[in-house]
Amino acid sequence: MTALVLHAQPLATSIPGAVLLTSLSETVIHAAINAGTLKTRQHGKRTVILVRDLERWLDSFPVGRAAAPAHLEGSRKRGRPRKQEAA
């Protein structure tokens, strides 16, 4: 007799779960939710994201290298600020 092994994938995840699944920050996930581009569902006080909605949102990203989304532009500065030189 052979055993049947099921590898069930979750149908929904929490916001922290979406962060883990996508490797994107919680700030990016919340920005997409607030912008209406990523749908959430409520079950009591719990907010969940359907995996299919998460996949659809990820599929909407441009393919290849693209500029940072407008809501993130200018929010990250690299390196130390330059010292002002005396004249």
Protein backbone atom coordinates (compact mmCIF):
# COMPACT_ATOMS: atom_id res chain seq x y z
CA MET A 1 0.00 0.00 0.00
CA THR A 2 1.42 3.41 -0.96
CA ALA A 3 0.93 6.53 1.11
CA LEU A 4 -0.58 9.58 -0.51
CA VAL A 5 1.43 12.66 0.36
CA LEU A 6 -0.22 16.01 -0.20
CA HIS A 7 1.82 19.17 -0.37
CA ALA A 8 -0.90 21.70 0.19
CA GLN A 9 -0.07 25.32 -0.43
CA PRO A 10 -1.80 27.95 1.69
CA LEU A 11 -4.72 29.81 0.15
CA ALA A 12 -4.08 32.96 2.16
CA THR A 13 -1.39 34.60 4.26
CA SER A 14 -1.01 37.42 6.75
CA ILE A 15 0.82 40.66 6.01
CA PRO A 16 3.98 39.37 7.77
CA GLY A 17 3.56 36.17 5.73
CA ALA A 18 3.39 38.22 2.52
CA VAL A 19 6.65 39.90 3.54
CA LEU A 20 8.29 36.48 3.91
CA LEU A 21 6.82 35.12 0.68
CA THR A 22 7.80 38.11 -1.46
CA SER A 23 11.04 39.30 0.18
CA LEU A 24 9.58 42.80 0.05
CA SER A 25 9.31 45.08 3.07
CA GLU A 26 6.20 45.51 5.16
CA THR A 27 6.22 49.17 4.08
CA VAL A 28 5.95 48.14 0.42
CA ILE A 29 3.14 45.66 1.20
CA HIS A 30 1.20 48.31 3.16
CA ALA A 31 1.76 50.90 0.41
CA ALA A 32 0.28 48.51 -2.18
CA ILE A 33 -2.69 47.79 0.09
CA ASN A 34 -3.28 51.51 0.71
CA ALA A 35 -2.98 52.24 -3.02
CA GLY A 36 -5.55 49.54 -3.76
CA THR A 37 -3.22 47.50 -5.94
CA LEU A 38 -3.06 44.60 -3.46
CA LYS A 39 -6.37 43.30 -2.12
CA THR A 40 -6.87 42.14 1.44
CA ARG A 41 -9.71 40.28 3.14
CA GLN A 42 -10.97 40.57 6.69
CA HIS A 43 -11.91 37.68 8.96
CA GLY A 44 -12.88 39.25 12.23
CA LYS A 45 -9.90 41.38 13.24
CA ARG A 46 -7.48 39.40 11.10
CA THR A 47 -6.35 40.75 7.73
CA VAL A 48 -5.38 38.15 5.15
CA ILE A 49 -4.13 38.30 1.59
CA LEU A 50 -5.16 35.57 -0.82
CA VAL A 51 -2.09 33.99 -2.38
CA ARG A 52 -3.65 34.35 -5.83
CA ASP A 53 -4.05 38.13 -5.23
CA LEU A 54 -0.43 38.31 -4.06
CA GLU A 55 0.69 36.47 -7.20
CA ARG A 56 -1.45 38.72 -9.41
CA TRP A 57 0.08 41.80 -7.77
CA LEU A 58 3.62 40.45 -8.29
CA ASP A 59 2.80 39.60 -11.92
CA SER A 60 1.87 43.26 -12.47
CA PHE A 61 5.48 44.33 -11.79
CA PRO A 62 7.54 45.28 -14.84
CA VAL A 63 9.83 42.61 -16.22
CA GLY A 64 13.53 43.28 -15.92
CA ARG A 65 15.25 46.25 -14.37
CA ALA A 66 12.98 49.22 -13.84
CA ALA A 67 13.03 52.47 -11.92
CA ALA A 68 11.89 52.52 -8.31
CA PRO A 69 8.13 52.96 -7.83
CA ALA A 70 7.11 56.61 -7.43
CA HIS A 71 6.17 56.15 -3.77
CA LEU A 72 9.73 55.02 -2.99
CA GLU A 73 11.70 57.47 -5.16
CA GLY A 74 13.99 59.71 -3.19
CA SER A 75 13.28 57.90 0.06
CA ARG A 76 16.65 56.19 0.14
CA LYS A 77 19.90 58.05 0.10
CA ARG A 78 23.18 56.20 -0.17
CA GLY A 79 26.34 56.97 1.71
CA ARG A 80 27.19 59.78 4.03
CA PRO A 81 26.26 63.37 3.32
CA ARG A 82 29.12 65.30 1.79
CA LYS A 83 31.00 67.77 3.96
CA GLN A 84 30.75 71.40 2.96
CA GLU A 85 34.15 72.70 1.91
CA ALA A 86 35.28 76.08 3.15
CA ALA A 87 35.56 78.69 0.43
